[in-house]
Amino acid sequence: MARANRAEQRLDAPKGLRSRGLGGLGLGRGSDRFGRFTEAIARGMGTPWFLLGLTLFVAAWVTWNTLSPAPLRFDSIELGFIALTLVLSLQASYAAPLILLAQNRQDDRDRVQIEQDRQRAERNLADTEYLAREVVALRLAMKDLASKDFLRAELRSVLENLEQRDEQARRARRSEAAERDREERPRGE
């Protein structure tokens, strides 16, 4: 049975939301639905339209119970609008816990987001350090590579060596040709 409970838990939800709910009753997805409901209520209570609507409701209540004929009044001004006070305190007594529940859910989401941001920052730092090491390795490797000026100097020296060898080969051929000419002259005379 413990394994079944673990299988039902959502791993993408914060730990606080994976609990068994009120009094150990496993509310499961219903608690998430209730949480979304509380957030919607809290979000609605934080709007100017809610304040305007509540103001119009109270104004209509007071106006009706002040200006309407006595038999149609359901709350009296002489008693200090007891029913209106009761309705507003009832609304406030439910609003405060609903707002706190919504804040707790937001805190849980913020905690998860902070953890994800921390992990992302660690990965970015590790990636940055890796890239910095790679850049340093490339710079060191570039120092070992031949530069453009070095290659030009090497090519010039090779070209000079080739020209000297060609010049020596030409001289050797000339001297051989001159020797042959000398050897052939005495015979031909």
C-alpha atoms as a PDB file:
ATOM      1  CA  MET A   1       0.000   0.000   0.000  1.00  0.00           C
ATOM      2  CA  ALA A   2       2.888   2.339   0.719  1.00  0.00           C
ATOM      3  CA  ARG A   3       4.147   1.702  -2.793  1.00  0.00           C
ATOM      4  CA  ALA A   4       0.769   2.579  -4.250  1.00  0.00           C
ATOM      5  CA  ASN A   5       0.843   5.903  -2.413  1.00  0.00           C
ATOM      6  CA  ARG A   6       4.304   6.626  -3.768  1.00  0.00           C
ATOM      7  CA  ALA A   7       3.182   5.835  -7.298  1.00  0.00           C
ATOM      8  CA  GLU A   8       0.298   8.288  -6.999  1.00  0.00           C
ATOM      9  CA  GLN A   9       2.574  11.112  -5.861  1.00  0.00           C
ATOM     10  CA  ARG A  10       3.535  13.612  -8.481  1.00  0.00           C
ATOM     11  CA  LEU A  11       7.260  14.192  -8.553  1.00  0.00           C
ATOM     12  CA  ASP A  12       6.944  17.505 -10.353  1.00  0.00           C
ATOM     13  CA  ALA A  13       5.006  19.019  -7.430  1.00  0.00           C
ATOM     14  CA  PRO A  14       6.807  20.586  -4.476  1.00  0.00           C
ATOM     15  CA  LYS A  15       7.136  18.381  -1.402  1.00  0.00           C
ATOM     16  CA  GLY A  16       4.593  20.462   0.480  1.00  0.00           C
ATOM     17  CA  LEU A  17       1.989  19.715  -2.162  1.00  0.00           C
ATOM     18  CA  ARG A  18       2.732  15.971  -2.149  1.00  0.00           C
ATOM     19  CA  SER A  19       1.496  15.595   1.420  1.00  0.00           C
ATOM     20  CA  ARG A  20      -1.632  13.646   2.162  1.00  0.00           C
ATOM     21  CA  GLY A  21      -3.770  16.739   2.688  1.00  0.00           C
ATOM     22  CA  LEU A  22      -6.114  17.500   5.595  1.00  0.00           C
ATOM     23  CA  GLY A  23      -5.841  15.117   8.523  1.00  0.00           C
ATOM     24  CA  GLY A  24      -4.109  12.411   6.524  1.00  0.00           C
ATOM     25  CA  LEU A  25      -6.931  12.165   3.986  1.00  0.00           C
ATOM     26  CA  GLY A  26      -5.376  11.582   0.596  1.00  0.00           C
ATOM     27  CA  LEU A  27      -7.085  14.327  -1.389  1.00  0.00           C
ATOM     28  CA  GLY A  28      -4.835  13.760  -4.404  1.00  0.00           C
ATOM     29  CA  ARG A  29      -5.812  15.815  -7.408  1.00  0.00           C
ATOM     30  CA  GLY A  30      -8.760  17.326  -5.533  1.00  0.00           C
ATOM     31  CA  SER A  31      -6.372  19.259  -3.295  1.00  0.00           C
ATOM     32  CA  ASP A  32      -4.744  20.718  -6.386  1.00  0.00           C
ATOM     33  CA  ARG A  33      -8.161  21.680  -7.716  1.00  0.00           C
ATOM     34  CA  PHE A  34      -9.001  23.254  -4.354  1.00  0.00           C
ATOM     35  CA  GLY A  35      -5.669  25.074  -4.371  1.00  0.00           C
ATOM     36  CA  ARG A  36      -6.364  26.492  -7.817  1.00  0.00           C
ATOM     37  CA  PHE A  37      -9.807  27.528  -6.571  1.00  0.00           C
ATOM     38  CA  THR A  38      -8.285  29.361  -3.591  1.00  0.00           C
ATOM     39  CA  GLU A  39      -5.821  31.107  -5.868  1.00  0.00           C
ATOM     40  CA  ALA A  40      -8.639  32.212  -8.151  1.00  0.00           C
ATOM     41  CA  ILE A  41     -10.571  33.597  -5.170  1.00  0.00           C
ATOM     42  CA  ALA A  42      -7.482  35.375  -3.809  1.00  0.00           C
ATOM     43  CA  ARG A  43      -6.695  36.730  -7.275  1.00  0.00           C
ATOM     44  CA  GLY A  44     -10.273  37.966  -7.622  1.00  0.00           C
ATOM     45  CA  MET A  45     -10.248  39.641  -4.211  1.00  0.00           C
ATOM     46  CA  GLY A  46      -7.162  41.584  -5.136  1.00  0.00           C
ATOM     47  CA  THR A  47      -8.772  43.378  -8.074  1.00  0.00           C
ATOM     48  CA  PRO A  48     -10.328  46.835  -8.272  1.00  0.00           C
ATOM     49  CA  TRP A  49     -13.510  45.213  -9.628  1.00  0.00           C
ATOM     50  CA  PHE A  50     -13.971  43.248  -6.417  1.00  0.00           C
ATOM     51  CA  LEU A  51     -13.548  46.390  -4.323  1.00  0.00           C
ATOM     52  CA  LEU A  52     -15.967  48.278  -6.570  1.00  0.00           C
ATOM     53  CA  GLY A  53     -18.496  45.423  -6.401  1.00  0.00           C
ATOM     54  CA  LEU A  54     -18.196  45.155  -2.610  1.00  0.00           C
ATOM     55  CA  THR A  55     -18.614  48.925  -2.284  1.00  0.00           C
ATOM     56  CA  LEU A  56     -21.727  48.869  -4.494  1.00  0.00           C
ATOM     57  CA  PHE A  57     -23.109  45.901  -2.513  1.00  0.00           C
ATOM     58  CA  VAL A  58     -22.649  47.688   0.827  1.00  0.00           C
ATOM     59  CA  ALA A  59     -24.056  50.955  -0.581  1.00  0.00           C
ATOM     60  CA  ALA A  60     -27.109  49.126  -1.969  1.00  0.00           C
ATOM     61  CA  TRP A  61     -27.579  47.287   1.353  1.00  0.00           C
ATOM     62  CA  VAL A  62     -27.405  50.490   3.403  1.00  0.00           C
ATOM     63  CA  THR A  63     -29.591  52.408   0.941  1.00  0.00           C
ATOM     64  CA  TRP A  64     -32.259  49.685   0.854  1.00  0.00           C
ATOM     65  CA  ASN A  65     -32.368  49.307   4.612  1.00  0.00           C
ATOM     66  CA  THR A  66     -32.437  53.060   5.162  1.00  0.00           C
ATOM     67  CA  LEU A  67     -34.776  54.379   2.462  1.00  0.00           C
ATOM     68  CA  SER A  68     -37.159  51.493   1.769  1.00  0.00           C
ATOM     69  CA  PRO A  69     -40.505  51.147   3.618  1.00  0.00           C
ATOM     70  CA  ALA A  70     -40.171  49.623   7.100  1.00  0.00           C
ATOM     71  CA  PRO A  71     -41.878  46.277   6.340  1.00  0.00           C
ATOM     72  CA  LEU A  72     -39.456  45.630   3.400  1.00  0.00           C
ATOM     73  CA  ARG A  73     -36.286  46.283   5.418  1.00  0.00           C
ATOM     74  CA  PHE A  74     -34.386  43.157   6.509  1.00  0.00           C
ATOM     75  CA  ASP A  75     -31.653  44.953   8.484  1.00  0.00           C
ATOM     76  CA  SER A  76     -32.188  48.008  10.652  1.00  0.00           C
ATOM     77  CA  ILE A  77     -30.077  51.075  11.075  1.00  0.00           C
ATOM     78  CA  GLU A  78     -31.092  51.232  14.759  1.00  0.00           C
ATOM     79  CA  LEU A  79     -29.258  47.962  15.463  1.00  0.00           C
ATOM     80  CA  GLY A  80     -26.179  49.044  13.461  1.00  0.00           C
ATOM     81  CA  PHE A  81     -26.776  46.865  10.433  1.00  0.00           C
ATOM     82  CA  ILE A  82     -26.127  43.612  12.292  1.00  0.00           C
ATOM     83  CA  ALA A  83     -26.818  41.441   9.227  1.00  0.00           C
ATOM     84  CA  LEU A  84     -24.424  43.504   7.065  1.00  0.00           C
ATOM     85  CA  THR A  85     -21.753  43.222   9.757  1.00  0.00           C
ATOM     86  CA  LEU A  86     -22.344  39.479   9.930  1.00  0.00           C
ATOM     87  CA  VAL A  87     -22.096  39.087   6.120  1.00  0.00           C
ATOM     88  CA  LEU A  88     -18.905  41.154   5.921  1.00  0.00           C
ATOM     89  CA  SER A  89     -17.251  39.345   8.852  1.00  0.00           C
ATOM     90  CA  LEU A  90     -18.224  35.993   7.347  1.00  0.00           C
ATOM     91  CA  GLN A  91     -16.712  37.059   4.024  1.00  0.00           C
ATOM     92  CA  ALA A  92     -13.535  38.219   5.805  1.00  0.00           C
ATOM     93  CA  SER A  93     -13.306  35.028   7.877  1.00  0.00           C
ATOM     94  CA  TYR A  94     -13.283  32.954   4.685  1.00  0.00           C
ATOM     95  CA  ALA A  95     -11.175  35.364   2.654  1.00  0.00           C
ATOM     96  CA  ALA A  96      -8.193  35.397   5.011  1.00  0.00           C
ATOM     97  CA  PRO A  97      -7.580  31.608   5.041  1.00  0.00           C
ATOM     98  CA  LEU A  98      -8.166  31.372   1.303  1.00  0.00           C
ATOM     99  CA  ILE A  99      -5.606  34.100   0.721  1.00  0.00           C
ATOM    100  CA  LEU A 100      -3.156  32.364   3.079  1.00  0.00           C
ATOM    101  CA  LEU A 101      -3.643  29.057   1.228  1.00  0.00           C
ATOM    102  CA  ALA A 102      -2.954  30.807  -2.069  1.00  0.00           C
ATOM    103  CA  GLN A 103       0.167  32.412  -0.588  1.00  0.00           C
ATOM    104  CA  ASN A 104       1.384  29.030   0.676  1.00  0.00           C
ATOM    105  CA  ARG A 105       0.957  27.544  -2.792  1.00  0.00           C
ATOM    106  CA  GLN A 106       2.854  30.487  -4.255  1.00  0.00           C
ATOM    107  CA  ASP A 107       5.612  29.992  -1.673  1.00  0.00           C
ATOM    108  CA  ASP A 108       5.877  26.335  -2.703  1.00  0.00           C
ATOM    109  CA  ARG A 109       6.116  27.300  -6.371  1.00  0.00           C
ATOM    110  CA  ASP A 110       8.706  29.959  -5.536  1.00  0.00           C
ATOM    111  CA  ARG A 111      10.752  27.396  -3.594  1.00  0.00           C
ATOM    112  CA  VAL A 112      10.738  25.038  -6.563  1.00  0.00           C
ATOM    113  CA  GLN A 113      11.607  27.891  -8.931  1.00  0.00           C
ATOM    114  CA  ILE A 114      14.479  29.017  -6.693  1.00  0.00           C
ATOM    115  CA  GLU A 115      15.843  25.458  -6.605  1.00  0.00           C
ATOM    116  CA  GLN A 116      15.596  25.205 -10.389  1.00  0.00           C
ATOM    117  CA  ASP A 117      17.302  28.588 -10.769  1.00  0.00           C
ATOM    118  CA  ARG A 118      20.086  27.469  -8.429  1.00  0.00           C
ATOM    119  CA  GLN A 119      20.592  24.268 -10.406  1.00  0.00           C
ATOM    120  CA  ARG A 120      20.558  26.214 -13.685  1.00  0.00           C
ATOM    121  CA  ALA A 121      23.116  28.667 -12.269  1.00  0.00           C
ATOM    122  CA  GLU A 122      25.359  25.767 -11.214  1.00  0.00           C
ATOM    123  CA  ARG A 123      25.125  24.251 -14.696  1.00  0.00           C
ATOM    124  CA  ASN A 124      25.884  27.618 -16.287  1.00  0.00           C
ATOM    125  CA  LEU A 125      28.884  28.080 -13.997  1.00  0.00           C
ATOM    126  CA  ALA A 126      30.173  24.599 -14.829  1.00  0.00           C
ATOM    127  CA  ASP A 127      29.660  25.241 -18.551  1.00  0.00           C
ATOM    128  CA  THR A 128      31.421  28.595 -18.302  1.00  0.00           C
ATOM    129  CA  GLU A 129      34.363  27.073 -16.460  1.00  0.00           C
ATOM    130  CA  TYR A 130      34.588  24.298 -19.047  1.00  0.00           C
ATOM    131  CA  LEU A 131      34.536  26.811 -21.900  1.00  0.00           C
ATOM    132  CA  ALA A 132      37.184  28.939 -20.166  1.00  0.00           C
ATOM    133  CA  ARG A 133      39.441  25.881 -19.850  1.00  0.00           C
ATOM    134  CA  GLU A 134      38.876  25.083 -23.521  1.00  0.00           C
ATOM    135  CA  VAL A 135      39.756  28.648 -24.548  1.00  0.00           C
ATOM    136  CA  VAL A 136      42.960  28.470 -22.504  1.00  0.00           C
ATOM    137  CA  ALA A 137      43.817  25.132 -24.110  1.00  0.00           C
ATOM    138  CA  LEU A 138      43.221  26.608 -27.558  1.00  0.00           C
ATOM    139  CA  ARG A 139      45.432  29.589 -26.753  1.00  0.00           C
ATOM    140  CA  LEU A 140      48.199  27.273 -25.606  1.00  0.00           C
ATOM    141  CA  ALA A 141      47.785  25.179 -28.739  1.00  0.00           C
ATOM    142  CA  MET A 142      47.902  28.309 -30.887  1.00  0.00           C
ATOM    143  CA  LYS A 143      51.272  29.223 -29.364  1.00  0.00           C
ATOM    144  CA  ASP A 144      52.647  25.924 -30.679  1.00  0.00           C
ATOM    145  CA  LEU A 145      51.303  26.579 -34.168  1.00  0.00           C
ATOM    146  CA  ALA A 146      53.420  28.273 -36.794  1.00  0.00           C
ATOM    147  CA  SER A 147      52.613  31.907 -37.354  1.00  0.00           C
ATOM    148  CA  LYS A 148      52.272  33.545 -40.734  1.00  0.00           C
ATOM    149  CA  ASP A 149      55.640  35.308 -40.364  1.00  0.00           C
ATOM    150  CA  PHE A 150      57.353  32.093 -39.287  1.00  0.00           C
ATOM    151  CA  LEU A 151      55.976  30.271 -42.343  1.00  0.00           C
ATOM    152  CA  ARG A 152      57.091  33.085 -44.658  1.00  0.00           C
ATOM    153  CA  ALA A 153      60.601  33.016 -43.205  1.00  0.00           C
ATOM    154  CA  GLU A 154      60.768  29.236 -43.549  1.00  0.00           C
ATOM    155  CA  LEU A 155      59.536  29.381 -47.153  1.00  0.00           C
ATOM    156  CA  ARG A 156      62.094  32.085 -47.970  1.00  0.00           C
ATOM    157  CA  SER A 157      64.935  29.997 -46.534  1.00  0.00           C
ATOM    158  CA  VAL A 158      63.725  26.927 -48.466  1.00  0.00           C
ATOM    159  CA  LEU A 159      63.491  29.033 -51.629  1.00  0.00           C
ATOM    160  CA  GLU A 160      67.025  30.373 -51.054  1.00  0.00           C
ATOM    161  CA  ASN A 161      68.302  26.812 -50.496  1.00  0.00           C
ATOM    162  CA  LEU A 162      66.634  25.669 -53.723  1.00  0.00           C
ATOM    163  CA  GLU A 163      68.094  28.618 -55.620  1.00  0.00           C
ATOM    164  CA  GLN A 164      71.560  27.864 -54.213  1.00  0.00           C
ATOM    165  CA  ARG A 165      71.227  24.190 -55.137  1.00  0.00           C
ATOM    166  CA  ASP A 166      70.065  25.115 -58.646  1.00  0.00           C
ATOM    167  CA  GLU A 167      72.967  27.541 -58.951  1.00  0.00           C
ATOM    168  CA  GLN A 168      75.410  24.871 -57.793  1.00  0.00           C
ATOM    169  CA  ALA A 169      73.865  22.394 -60.233  1.00  0.00           C
ATOM    170  CA  ARG A 170      74.259  24.919 -63.063  1.00  0.00           C
ATOM    171  CA  ARG A 171      77.878  25.530 -62.108  1.00  0.00           C
ATOM    172  CA  ALA A 172      78.547  21.814 -61.926  1.00  0.00           C
ATOM    173  CA  ARG A 173      77.009  21.325 -65.387  1.00  0.00           C
ATOM    174  CA  ARG A 174      79.037  24.198 -66.757  1.00  0.00           C
ATOM    175  CA  SER A 175      82.251  22.856 -65.276  1.00  0.00           C
ATOM    176  CA  GLU A 176      81.446  19.371 -66.632  1.00  0.00           C
ATOM    177  CA  ALA A 177      80.682  20.866 -70.024  1.00  0.00           C
ATOM    178  CA  ALA A 178      83.890  22.891 -69.881  1.00  0.00           C
ATOM    179  CA  GLU A 179      85.870  19.753 -68.985  1.00  0.00           C
ATOM    180  CA  ARG A 180      84.329  17.832 -71.822  1.00  0.00           C
ATOM    181  CA  ASP A 181      85.147  20.689 -74.136  1.00  0.00           C
ATOM    182  CA  ARG A 182      88.755  20.623 -72.927  1.00  0.00           C
ATOM    183  CA  GLU A 183      88.988  16.916 -73.340  1.00  0.00           C
ATOM    184  CA  GLU A 184      87.501  17.095 -76.799  1.00  0.00           C
ATOM    185  CA  ARG A 185      89.782  19.919 -77.996  1.00  0.00           C
ATOM    186  CA  PRO A 186      93.021  18.068 -77.835  1.00  0.00           C
ATOM    187  CA  ARG A 187      91.550  15.186 -79.779  1.00  0.00           C
ATOM    188  CA  GLY A 188      90.119  17.368 -82.438  1.00  0.00           C
ATOM    189  CA  GLU A 189      93.325  19.267 -83.101  1.00  0.00           C
END
